[in-house]
Amino acid sequence: MISAFSIILLIIAILVLVTWILHWTGVKTDVNVIIGYDPSTGIPITQSEPQTIKAMGIVDIFYSLFQGFMNKSGIIIFILMLGAYITIIINSKALDGFAQQITKALKGKEVWAIVPLMFFFSVCGTVEGMAEESLGFYMICIPLMLAAGFDVFTGLLIVLVGAGVGTLASTVNPFVVTVAVDALNSGAGNVDSSIQFISVGDGLVWRLICWLIMTAAAIIGVMTYAIKTKKHPAKSITFSTLAGDKKFFLSESQTIVVMDWRKKLTLAVFALSFILMIVYLIGWDSILGGSKFADAGKTINNRAPYLTALIPGFGIGDLTVVACFFLISAIVLGLVNGLGEDGFLKQFMAGAADILSVCLIIATAAGVGVILEQSHLQELFVKGLTDSVGGISPVGRIVVLYLLFLPLSFVIPSTSGFATAVFPLLASTVSADPNNPNLVAGDIAGSGSILSFSFASGLLNLFTPTSGVVMGAIGIARVDYGKFLKGIWPFLAGLLVLSVILLAIGGVIGGKIA
């Protein structure tokens, strides 16, 4: 399988070829053109005019990437800061020590250790999209489960399904929810900047409920498998290698992490920083009505400029403000862990370097949007998409999008790249009135489309061979891919059915909840 970069570049090249064909054949589409400005508000006045699809050039394939980088600079800055921050957390060993404390507290009742461990991994998944950083925990959970009489696959499931189901049911995961929200807002392209198409807070309550249900179901499934294989070892997926697994994993010495004050304080800062991110990104004024939070921000800017004269109130600022919060938190953790300037910069730069590939995928995927917008293919595609699913009820539309996202997530395995490339096209489809120049997300279609994407991409990334996390996990556990598929498919089937049910229920509930 070729890389996500190559896939997206190939898509851009194909789109450029499509623009040639449609331009040569004289295909036209309706485009909103600015004809003037409202004298009282300064808002542009537009009208729809038919225009021929514009042909893009070969050089534009590569130039569009840099345009995409500039268009997505805010989300790229945010993700770079988050990657650097997470690396400092991981290197502190605070998370490792926390997991070890959980297992130590339940010594002799290891089956119940599955509950807090999976819940912990699920929290990390739903909040920050735990992926590659989960690989270090397999050598903690697998020996523990083997020593307790379970099998290697149980230890693998605890981490992979725990973090995976959290990412599947993302609540504020920036690599899924925040990127998709940003892409929908950019696709809406509202001429009135005071109108926000969608925010992270839209549908957050239902995403939280879905996360709790999905996590509970996953924990019950893994516990059921663990108890069954302990009573009947022959039913274990890895029964044939049980003796070799015990010899290999139980002979591995485990480094015990002491939870001193530094690590405890690191965990506290870690938790507080993500709580601050969640609370800050929610559009409180749009939910509660009025402008209290915006006014509070202005008051601080005016009366306490020595604290901040630039950062707006809660729910008003953009991702660069949250990136600032993570930078400050990273500096605090550098001081807490006694890294010094040199140690802090090494870890910070290494973390930013590790996440740079994600940023480049986002920029590359944004190049798709540049070609679509400049050629007017976007208007053509949006009209076709709106005509095909626009007449379906909001509930049906959400389920249909989920079914479409499943194969598309396999083609574009990067969640950030997928959201950046696809979601700008969905703004009109999930809008309450696609003909209004100031698009407003439908009652449930906007937040429902993000939940559909989260469910679809999360499910695919639990088993797809293109995922480095999946292949890394089974490599550490010494389980071949065929056995892995045999063991994981009941969980996948259950999550698939549960996803459709929760999407349908959320669609029926609607309102402020979903």
Protein backbone atom coordinates (compact mmCIF):
# COMPACT_ATOMS: atom_id res chain seq x y z
CA MET A 1 0.00 0.00 0.00
CA ILE A 2 1.43 3.37 -1.00
CA SER A 3 1.71 6.15 1.60
CA ALA A 4 -0.97 8.69 2.44
CA PHE A 5 1.17 11.38 0.76
CA SER A 6 1.28 9.46 -2.51
CA ILE A 7 -2.45 8.68 -2.36
CA ILE A 8 -3.38 12.35 -1.90
CA LEU A 9 -0.94 13.53 -4.59
CA LEU A 10 -2.44 10.95 -6.94
CA ILE A 11 -5.93 12.27 -6.11
CA ILE A 12 -4.79 15.84 -6.89
CA ALA A 13 -3.28 14.71 -10.20
CA ILE A 14 -6.50 12.91 -11.14
CA LEU A 15 -8.53 16.01 -10.27
CA VAL A 16 -6.30 18.15 -12.49
CA LEU A 17 -6.88 15.70 -15.34
CA VAL A 18 -10.64 15.87 -14.65
CA THR A 19 -10.51 19.68 -14.90
CA TRP A 20 -8.96 19.35 -18.37
CA ILE A 21 -11.66 16.99 -19.57
CA LEU A 22 -14.53 19.06 -18.15
CA HIS A 23 -13.02 22.31 -19.46
CA TRP A 24 -12.61 20.84 -22.96
CA THR A 25 -16.21 19.60 -22.96
CA GLY A 26 -17.52 22.98 -21.76
CA VAL A 27 -19.13 21.73 -18.53
CA LYS A 28 -20.54 24.59 -16.45
CA THR A 29 -21.61 24.89 -12.82
CA ASP A 30 -23.27 27.61 -10.73
CA VAL A 31 -20.74 29.76 -8.87
CA ASN A 32 -21.48 32.47 -6.30
CA VAL A 33 -19.92 35.71 -7.55
CA ILE A 34 -19.55 38.91 -5.49
CA ILE A 35 -21.54 41.71 -7.17
CA GLY A 36 -21.27 44.32 -4.44
CA TYR A 37 -21.18 45.01 -0.70
CA ASP A 38 -23.88 45.85 1.82
CA PRO A 39 -23.27 49.54 2.69
CA SER A 40 -24.43 49.12 6.29
CA THR A 41 -22.51 45.95 7.21
CA GLY A 42 -19.81 45.66 4.54
CA ILE A 43 -20.82 42.04 3.95
CA PRO A 44 -20.37 40.96 0.28
CA ILE A 45 -23.52 40.52 -1.81
CA THR A 46 -23.34 37.47 -4.08
CA GLN A 47 -25.37 35.99 -6.88
CA SER A 48 -25.16 32.62 -8.64
CA GLU A 49 -23.77 32.64 -12.19
CA PRO A 50 -22.93 29.70 -14.51
CA GLN A 51 -19.20 29.35 -15.19
CA THR A 52 -17.14 26.83 -17.16
CA ILE A 53 -14.89 24.49 -15.14
CA LYS A 54 -11.41 26.02 -15.11
CA ALA A 55 -8.47 23.83 -16.16
CA MET A 56 -5.61 23.49 -13.65
CA GLY A 57 -1.94 22.99 -14.63
CA ILE A 58 0.64 20.28 -13.94
CA VAL A 59 2.71 22.69 -11.84
CA ASP A 60 -0.46 23.46 -9.84
CA ILE A 61 -0.38 19.88 -8.51
CA PHE A 62 2.67 20.85 -6.45
CA TYR A 63 1.89 24.53 -5.91
CA SER A 64 -1.47 23.59 -4.36
CA LEU A 65 0.40 21.89 -1.50
CA PHE A 66 1.97 25.18 -0.41
CA GLN A 67 -1.34 26.98 -0.74
CA GLY A 68 -2.85 24.24 1.41
CA PHE A 69 -0.09 24.71 3.99
CA MET A 70 -0.90 28.41 4.26
CA ASN A 71 -4.64 27.77 4.42
CA LYS A 72 -4.19 25.27 7.26
CA SER A 73 -1.46 27.10 9.17
CA GLY A 74 -3.59 27.37 12.32
CA ILE A 75 -4.33 23.65 12.66
CA ILE A 76 -0.71 22.79 11.71
CA ILE A 77 0.69 25.05 14.46
CA PHE A 78 -1.74 23.48 16.93
CA ILE A 79 -0.77 19.89 16.04
CA LEU A 80 2.96 20.68 16.13
CA MET A 81 2.60 22.05 19.67
CA LEU A 82 0.45 19.11 20.73
CA GLY A 83 3.00 16.59 19.38
CA ALA A 84 5.85 18.29 21.22
CA TYR A 85 3.80 18.45 24.43
CA ILE A 86 2.75 14.77 24.29
CA THR A 87 6.39 13.70 23.81
CA ILE A 88 7.40 15.49 27.02
CA ILE A 89 4.55 13.70 28.82
CA ILE A 90 5.60 10.29 27.45
CA ASN A 91 9.29 10.81 28.26
CA SER A 92 8.43 11.71 31.86
CA LYS A 93 7.22 8.07 32.33
CA ALA A 94 4.28 9.44 34.34
CA LEU A 95 1.75 7.53 32.23
CA ASP A 96 3.77 4.30 32.54
CA GLY A 97 3.92 4.68 36.31
CA PHE A 98 0.18 5.39 36.47
CA ALA A 99 -0.60 2.18 34.54
CA GLN A 100 1.74 0.17 36.78
CA GLN A 101 0.06 1.54 39.89
CA ILE A 102 -3.32 0.41 38.60
CA THR A 103 -2.10 -3.14 38.01
CA LYS A 104 -0.25 -3.25 41.35
CA ALA A 105 -3.37 -2.17 43.25
CA LEU A 106 -5.35 -5.06 41.73
CA LYS A 107 -2.72 -7.78 42.28
CA GLY A 108 -4.49 -11.14 42.50
CA LYS A 109 -7.60 -9.71 40.82
CA GLU A 110 -5.96 -8.97 37.50
CA VAL A 111 -9.14 -9.49 35.48
CA TRP A 112 -10.50 -6.34 37.13
CA ALA A 113 -7.35 -4.50 36.13
CA ILE A 114 -8.80 -4.58 32.61
CA VAL A 115 -11.45 -2.02 33.63
CA PRO A 116 -9.23 0.89 34.80
CA LEU A 117 -6.51 0.13 32.22
CA MET A 118 -8.89 0.15 29.25
CA PHE A 119 -10.71 3.18 30.64
CA PHE A 120 -7.37 5.00 30.96
CA PHE A 121 -6.36 4.13 27.38
CA SER A 122 -9.82 5.07 26.13
CA VAL A 123 -9.60 8.49 27.80
CA CYS A 124 -6.26 9.07 26.08
CA GLY A 125 -7.80 7.98 22.77
CA THR A 126 -10.89 10.17 22.95
CA VAL A 127 -8.99 13.24 24.18
CA GLU A 128 -5.73 13.17 22.22
CA GLY A 129 -6.06 10.27 19.77
CA MET A 130 -3.50 7.97 21.44
CA ALA A 131 -1.84 5.99 18.66
CA GLU A 132 1.93 5.41 18.31
CA GLU A 133 2.49 6.42 21.93
CA SER A 134 0.40 3.38 23.00
CA LEU A 135 3.07 0.97 21.72
CA GLY A 136 5.13 1.32 24.89
CA PHE A 137 2.30 -0.05 27.03
CA TYR A 138 2.12 -3.51 25.44
CA MET A 139 5.21 -4.65 27.35
CA ILE A 140 3.44 -3.68 30.57
CA CYS A 141 0.04 -5.28 29.90
CA ILE A 142 1.07 -8.47 28.08
CA PRO A 143 3.41 -9.86 30.84
CA LEU A 144 0.82 -8.91 33.46
CA MET A 145 -1.93 -10.86 31.69
CA LEU A 146 0.31 -13.88 31.06
CA ALA A 147 1.41 -13.99 34.70
CA ALA A 148 -2.25 -13.86 35.75
CA GLY A 149 -3.15 -16.89 33.62
CA PHE A 150 -4.53 -15.09 30.57
CA ASP A 151 -2.97 -14.97 27.10
CA VAL A 152 -0.97 -12.56 24.95
CA PHE A 153 -4.06 -11.56 22.98
CA THR A 154 -5.76 -10.29 26.15
CA GLY A 155 -2.86 -7.92 26.79
CA LEU A 156 -2.94 -6.80 23.17
CA LEU A 157 -6.70 -6.15 23.31
CA ILE A 158 -6.43 -4.07 26.49
CA VAL A 159 -4.19 -1.51 24.79
CA LEU A 160 -5.28 -1.72 21.15
CA VAL A 161 -9.04 -1.85 21.71
CA GLY A 162 -8.84 0.43 24.75
CA ALA A 163 -7.08 3.27 22.92
CA GLY A 164 -8.78 2.35 19.64
CA VAL A 165 -12.34 2.56 20.93
CA GLY A 166 -11.50 5.89 22.57
CA THR A 167 -10.28 7.23 19.24
CA LEU A 168 -13.30 5.67 17.47
CA ALA A 169 -15.62 7.51 19.85
CA SER A 170 -13.61 10.73 19.83
CA THR A 171 -15.06 13.54 21.90
CA VAL A 172 -12.46 16.28 21.42
CA ASN A 173 -9.62 14.35 19.76
CA PRO A 174 -7.90 17.11 17.74
CA PHE A 175 -6.81 14.72 14.98
CA VAL A 176 -10.44 13.78 14.28
CA VAL A 177 -12.97 16.24 15.72
CA THR A 178 -11.02 19.50 15.67
CA VAL A 179 -9.64 18.96 12.16
CA ALA A 180 -13.11 18.01 10.85
CA VAL A 181 -14.71 21.06 12.50
CA ASP A 182 -12.03 23.31 11.03
CA ALA A 183 -12.56 21.75 7.58
CA LEU A 184 -16.35 22.14 7.73
CA ASN A 185 -15.99 25.78 8.74
CA SER A 186 -13.58 26.44 5.89
CA GLY A 187 -15.94 24.67 3.48
CA ALA A 188 -18.87 26.80 4.64
CA GLY A 189 -16.94 29.93 3.63
CA ASN A 190 -19.46 32.23 5.30
CA VAL A 191 -19.22 35.80 4.05
CA ASP A 192 -20.44 36.94 7.49
CA SER A 193 -17.54 36.10 9.82
CA SER A 194 -19.80 36.46 12.87
CA ILE A 195 -21.66 33.30 11.86
CA GLN A 196 -19.94 30.10 12.99
CA PHE A 197 -20.99 27.08 10.97
CA ILE A 198 -20.07 24.51 13.63
CA SER A 199 -17.97 24.26 16.80
CA VAL A 200 -16.37 21.49 18.85
CA GLY A 201 -19.22 21.93 21.35
CA ASP A 202 -21.88 20.91 18.80
CA GLY A 203 -22.86 17.32 19.52
CA LEU A 204 -20.32 17.03 22.36
CA VAL A 205 -22.87 15.70 24.85
CA TRP A 206 -23.87 12.86 22.52
CA ARG A 207 -20.22 12.12 21.67
CA LEU A 208 -19.53 11.78 25.41
CA ILE A 209 -22.47 9.42 25.82
CA CYS A 210 -21.34 7.37 22.81
CA TRP A 211 -17.81 7.22 24.20
CA LEU A 212 -19.04 5.87 27.54
CA ILE A 213 -21.25 3.26 25.85
CA MET A 214 -18.53 2.19 23.39
CA THR A 215 -15.89 2.00 26.14
CA ALA A 216 -18.17 -0.04 28.42
CA ALA A 217 -19.00 -2.44 25.58
CA ALA A 218 -15.31 -2.86 24.70
CA ILE A 219 -14.33 -3.49 28.33
CA ILE A 220 -17.08 -6.11 28.73
CA GLY A 221 -15.99 -7.79 25.49
CA VAL A 222 -12.32 -7.99 26.50
CA MET A 223 -13.17 -9.22 30.02
CA THR A 224 -15.44 -11.89 28.55
CA TYR A 225 -12.66 -13.08 26.25
CA ALA A 226 -10.11 -13.05 29.11
CA ILE A 227 -12.32 -15.07 31.48
CA LYS A 228 -13.25 -17.56 28.73
CA THR A 229 -9.65 -18.23 27.69
CA LYS A 230 -8.47 -18.57 31.29
CA LYS A 231 -11.09 -21.27 31.93
CA HIS A 232 -10.58 -22.91 28.52
CA PRO A 233 -7.02 -22.13 27.30
CA ALA A 234 -7.61 -24.05 24.06
CA LYS A 235 -10.06 -21.30 22.99
CA SER A 236 -7.27 -18.73 23.06
CA ILE A 237 -6.33 -17.18 19.73
CA THR A 238 -2.66 -17.67 20.67
CA PHE A 239 -2.98 -21.10 22.35
CA SER A 240 -0.47 -22.71 19.98
CA THR A 241 2.26 -20.27 21.06
CA LEU A 242 1.34 -20.07 24.76
CA ALA A 243 4.47 -21.84 26.04
CA GLY A 244 6.77 -19.75 23.90
CA ASP A 245 4.95 -16.55 24.85
CA LYS A 246 5.42 -17.22 28.57
CA LYS A 247 9.10 -17.99 28.08
CA PHE A 248 9.65 -14.81 26.06
CA PHE A 249 7.51 -12.22 27.86
CA LEU A 250 7.83 -13.37 31.46
CA SER A 251 11.62 -13.48 31.21
CA GLU A 252 11.63 -9.84 30.17
CA SER A 253 12.59 -7.64 33.12
CA GLN A 254 10.14 -4.86 33.79
CA THR A 255 11.40 -1.49 34.96
CA ILE A 256 9.30 -0.26 37.87
CA VAL A 257 8.46 3.43 37.61
CA VAL A 258 8.32 5.19 40.97
CA MET A 259 5.52 7.76 41.10
CA ASP A 260 7.33 10.62 42.81
CA TRP A 261 6.01 14.17 43.13
CA ARG A 262 7.32 15.09 39.69
CA LYS A 263 5.31 12.37 37.95
CA LYS A 264 2.19 13.06 39.99
CA LEU A 265 2.39 16.75 39.17
CA THR A 266 3.01 15.87 35.50
CA LEU A 267 -0.23 13.84 35.45
CA ALA A 268 -2.10 16.74 37.06
CA VAL A 269 -0.80 19.25 34.48
CA PHE A 270 -1.59 16.76 31.69
CA ALA A 271 -5.19 16.42 32.87
CA LEU A 272 -5.68 20.16 33.45
CA SER A 273 -4.29 21.13 30.04
CA PHE A 274 -6.75 18.92 28.19
CA ILE A 275 -9.64 20.04 30.36
CA LEU A 276 -8.69 23.64 29.52
CA MET A 277 -8.57 22.77 25.81
CA ILE A 278 -12.03 21.17 25.95
CA VAL A 279 -13.60 24.03 27.88
CA TYR A 280 -11.93 26.72 25.75
CA LEU A 281 -12.93 25.32 22.34
CA ILE A 282 -16.64 25.00 23.15
CA GLY A 283 -18.70 27.89 21.78
CA TRP A 284 -20.39 28.79 25.07
CA ASP A 285 -22.08 31.95 23.80
CA SER A 286 -23.74 30.06 20.92
CA ILE A 287 -24.93 27.35 23.33
CA LEU A 288 -26.10 29.58 26.19
CA GLY A 289 -27.05 32.61 24.13
CA GLY A 290 -25.76 36.13 24.58
CA SER A 291 -22.14 37.29 24.55
CA LYS A 292 -20.97 36.88 28.17
CA PHE A 293 -17.83 34.87 27.34
CA ALA A 294 -16.82 37.19 24.50
CA ASP A 295 -17.38 40.21 26.76
CA ALA A 296 -15.38 38.57 29.57
CA GLY A 297 -12.46 38.09 27.20
CA LYS A 298 -12.59 41.75 26.14
CA THR A 299 -12.70 42.82 29.80
CA ILE A 300 -9.53 40.85 30.56
CA ASN A 301 -7.80 42.26 27.47
CA ASN A 302 -8.65 45.82 28.54
CA ARG A 303 -8.30 45.62 32.32
CA ALA A 304 -5.55 42.99 32.65
CA PRO A 305 -3.40 43.49 29.54
CA TYR A 306 -0.32 42.35 31.48
CA LEU A 307 -1.89 38.87 31.52
CA THR A 308 -3.09 38.96 27.92
CA ALA A 309 -4.08 41.74 25.58
CA LEU A 310 -4.62 39.45 22.61
CA ILE A 311 -6.35 36.18 23.59
CA PRO A 312 -10.18 36.35 23.30
CA GLY A 313 -12.71 34.79 25.65
CA PHE A 314 -13.66 31.13 26.03
CA GLY A 315 -15.23 29.68 22.90
CA ILE A 316 -14.12 32.66 20.82
CA GLY A 317 -10.45 31.97 20.08
CA ASP A 318 -8.97 29.67 17.46
CA LEU A 319 -6.57 26.72 17.56
CA THR A 320 -3.48 28.91 17.76
CA VAL A 321 -4.67 30.06 21.20
CA VAL A 322 -4.91 26.42 22.36
CA ALA A 323 -1.45 25.82 20.86
CA CYS A 324 -0.24 28.62 23.14
CA PHE A 325 -1.78 26.83 26.14
CA PHE A 326 0.07 23.62 25.24
CA LEU A 327 3.35 25.51 24.80
CA ILE A 328 2.99 27.03 28.27
CA SER A 329 2.08 23.59 29.72
CA ALA A 330 5.13 22.05 28.03
CA ILE A 331 7.41 24.69 29.59
CA VAL A 332 5.83 24.04 33.00
CA LEU A 333 6.47 20.30 32.61
CA GLY A 334 10.04 20.99 31.57
CA LEU A 335 10.54 22.84 34.86
CA VAL A 336 8.67 20.20 36.90
CA ASN A 337 10.79 17.38 35.47
CA GLY A 338 14.06 19.31 35.76
CA LEU A 339 14.89 19.03 32.05
CA GLY A 340 16.86 22.24 31.79
CA GLU A 341 16.92 24.33 28.62
CA ASP A 342 18.91 21.82 26.56
CA GLY A 343 16.87 18.79 27.68
CA PHE A 344 13.58 20.59 27.16
CA LEU A 345 14.46 21.75 23.65
CA LYS A 346 15.67 18.28 22.63
CA GLN A 347 12.41 16.63 23.73
CA PHE A 348 10.28 19.46 22.36
CA MET A 349 11.94 19.40 18.95
CA ALA A 350 11.85 15.60 18.81
CA GLY A 351 8.11 15.64 19.53
CA ALA A 352 7.46 18.28 16.89
CA ALA A 353 9.55 16.30 14.40
CA ASP A 354 7.58 13.11 15.12
CA ILE A 355 4.26 14.82 14.40
CA LEU A 356 5.52 16.80 11.38
CA SER A 357 4.40 14.02 9.01
CA VAL A 358 0.80 14.53 10.17
CA CYS A 359 1.12 18.28 9.54
CA LEU A 360 2.46 17.67 6.04
CA ILE A 361 -0.41 15.26 5.31
CA ILE A 362 -2.88 17.96 6.37
CA ALA A 363 -1.15 20.48 4.08
CA THR A 364 -1.10 17.99 1.20
CA ALA A 365 -4.76 17.13 1.71
CA ALA A 366 -5.62 20.83 1.80
CA GLY A 367 -4.12 20.99 -1.69
CA VAL A 368 -7.09 18.92 -2.84
CA GLY A 369 -9.36 21.71 -1.63
CA VAL A 370 -7.29 24.34 -3.43
CA ILE A 371 -7.67 22.54 -6.79
CA LEU A 372 -11.38 21.96 -6.20
CA GLU A 373 -12.01 25.58 -5.24
CA GLN A 374 -9.97 27.28 -7.98
CA SER A 375 -11.31 25.05 -10.77
CA HIS A 376 -14.94 25.30 -9.53
CA LEU A 377 -15.07 21.50 -9.27
CA GLN A 378 -16.08 22.08 -5.65
CA GLU A 379 -19.40 23.67 -6.65
CA LEU A 380 -20.00 20.84 -9.14
CA PHE A 381 -19.25 18.08 -6.62
CA VAL A 382 -21.20 19.73 -3.81
CA LYS A 383 -24.26 20.09 -6.03
CA GLY A 384 -24.05 16.41 -7.01
CA LEU A 385 -23.57 15.33 -3.40
CA THR A 386 -26.40 17.55 -2.16
CA ASP A 387 -28.75 16.31 -4.89
CA SER A 388 -27.94 12.66 -4.11
CA VAL A 389 -28.29 12.71 -0.31
CA GLY A 390 -29.91 16.08 0.33
CA GLY A 391 -33.42 14.66 0.08
CA ILE A 392 -32.71 11.94 2.64
CA SER A 393 -33.80 12.55 6.23
CA PRO A 394 -31.02 13.79 8.55
CA VAL A 395 -30.86 10.39 10.29
CA GLY A 396 -30.57 8.55 6.98
CA ARG A 397 -28.01 11.09 5.76
CA ILE A 398 -25.78 10.46 8.79
CA VAL A 399 -25.91 6.67 8.31
CA VAL A 400 -25.25 6.99 4.55
CA LEU A 401 -22.23 9.20 5.25
CA TYR A 402 -20.96 6.61 7.72
CA LEU A 403 -21.17 3.88 5.08
CA LEU A 404 -19.39 6.16 2.59
CA PHE A 405 -16.67 7.04 5.10
CA LEU A 406 -15.76 3.37 5.74
CA PRO A 407 -14.17 2.66 2.33
CA LEU A 408 -12.87 6.24 2.02
CA SER A 409 -11.05 5.83 5.37
CA PHE A 410 -9.24 2.84 3.89
CA VAL A 411 -8.20 4.84 0.82
CA ILE A 412 -7.03 7.79 2.96
CA PRO A 413 -5.91 6.17 6.26
CA SER A 414 -4.80 9.46 7.83
CA THR A 415 -7.75 10.87 9.80
CA SER A 416 -6.34 14.39 9.57
CA GLY A 417 -5.74 14.09 5.84
CA PHE A 418 -9.19 12.58 5.27
CA ALA A 419 -11.01 15.31 7.20
CA THR A 420 -9.02 18.09 5.52
CA ALA A 421 -9.69 16.73 2.03
CA VAL A 422 -13.32 15.60 2.35
CA PHE A 423 -15.12 17.75 4.92
CA PRO A 424 -14.95 21.09 3.08
CA LEU A 425 -17.16 19.43 0.43
CA LEU A 426 -19.78 18.42 3.00
CA ALA A 427 -20.68 21.88 4.33
CA SER A 428 -23.63 22.38 1.96
CA THR A 429 -24.73 18.75 2.35
CA VAL A 430 -25.08 19.08 6.14
CA SER A 431 -26.38 22.66 6.02
CA ALA A 432 -29.92 23.52 7.10
CA ASP A 433 -30.29 25.59 3.91
CA PRO A 434 -27.65 24.91 1.22
CA ASN A 435 -28.99 27.80 -0.89
CA ASN A 436 -28.30 30.41 1.78
CA PRO A 437 -24.96 32.22 1.26
CA ASN A 438 -24.44 32.11 5.05
CA LEU A 439 -24.51 28.37 5.69
CA VAL A 440 -25.73 27.13 9.07
CA ALA A 441 -25.26 23.49 10.08
CA GLY A 442 -28.45 21.42 10.21
CA ASP A 443 -29.95 20.40 13.53
CA ILE A 444 -27.98 17.15 13.67
CA ALA A 445 -26.41 16.68 10.24
CA GLY A 446 -23.32 18.79 11.03
CA SER A 447 -22.30 17.17 14.31
CA GLY A 448 -23.64 13.82 13.05
CA SER A 449 -21.28 13.88 10.07
CA ILE A 450 -18.31 14.34 12.42
CA LEU A 451 -19.47 11.45 14.61
CA SER A 452 -19.94 9.30 11.49
CA PHE A 453 -16.40 10.09 10.42
CA SER A 454 -15.03 9.36 13.90
CA PHE A 455 -16.80 5.98 14.02
CA ALA A 456 -15.77 4.99 10.48
CA SER A 457 -12.11 5.97 10.65
CA GLY A 458 -11.79 4.55 14.18
CA LEU A 459 -13.21 1.19 13.13
CA LEU A 460 -10.91 0.92 10.09
CA ASN A 461 -7.84 1.86 12.11
CA LEU A 462 -8.47 -1.03 14.51
CA PHE A 463 -7.51 -3.62 11.91
CA THR A 464 -6.27 -2.11 8.64
CA PRO A 465 -2.79 -3.37 7.62
CA THR A 466 -1.92 0.18 6.51
CA SER A 467 -1.91 1.27 10.17
CA GLY A 468 1.54 1.38 11.72
CA VAL A 469 -0.06 1.14 15.16
CA VAL A 470 -1.87 -2.13 14.34
CA MET A 471 1.15 -3.73 12.69
CA GLY A 472 3.43 -2.49 15.46
CA ALA A 473 1.12 -3.88 18.14
CA ILE A 474 0.88 -7.37 16.65
CA GLY A 475 4.65 -7.29 16.05
CA ILE A 476 5.30 -6.59 19.73
CA ALA A 477 2.76 -9.25 20.76
CA ARG A 478 4.26 -11.73 18.25
CA VAL A 479 0.82 -12.48 16.77
CA ASP A 480 0.57 -13.00 13.00
CA TYR A 481 -1.98 -10.91 11.10
CA GLY A 482 -4.22 -13.88 10.23
CA LYS A 483 -4.65 -14.83 13.89
CA PHE A 484 -5.15 -11.19 14.77
CA LEU A 485 -8.04 -10.86 12.31
CA LYS A 486 -9.59 -14.05 13.63
CA GLY A 487 -9.54 -12.69 17.16
CA ILE A 488 -10.50 -9.09 16.46
CA TRP A 489 -13.45 -9.60 14.09
CA PRO A 490 -16.12 -10.13 16.85
CA PHE A 491 -15.12 -6.79 18.36
CA LEU A 492 -15.23 -5.10 14.95
CA ALA A 493 -18.67 -6.55 14.18
CA GLY A 494 -20.01 -5.42 17.54
CA LEU A 495 -18.62 -1.91 17.15
CA LEU A 496 -20.03 -1.68 13.60
CA VAL A 497 -23.55 -2.55 14.75
CA LEU A 498 -23.27 -0.32 17.81
CA SER A 499 -22.05 2.58 15.64
CA VAL A 500 -25.09 2.44 13.35
CA ILE A 501 -27.47 2.18 16.32
CA LEU A 502 -25.89 5.15 18.14
CA LEU A 503 -25.85 7.27 14.98
CA ALA A 504 -29.55 6.55 14.43
CA ILE A 505 -30.47 7.26 18.07
CA GLY A 506 -28.47 10.50 18.05
CA GLY A 507 -30.27 11.52 14.88
CA VAL A 508 -33.66 10.91 16.47
CA ILE A 509 -32.73 12.80 19.67
CA GLY A 510 -31.23 15.81 17.87
CA GLY A 511 -31.46 19.22 19.50
CA LYS A 512 -28.76 20.46 21.86
CA ILE A 513 -27.71 16.92 22.84
CA ALA A 514 -26.67 15.47 19.48
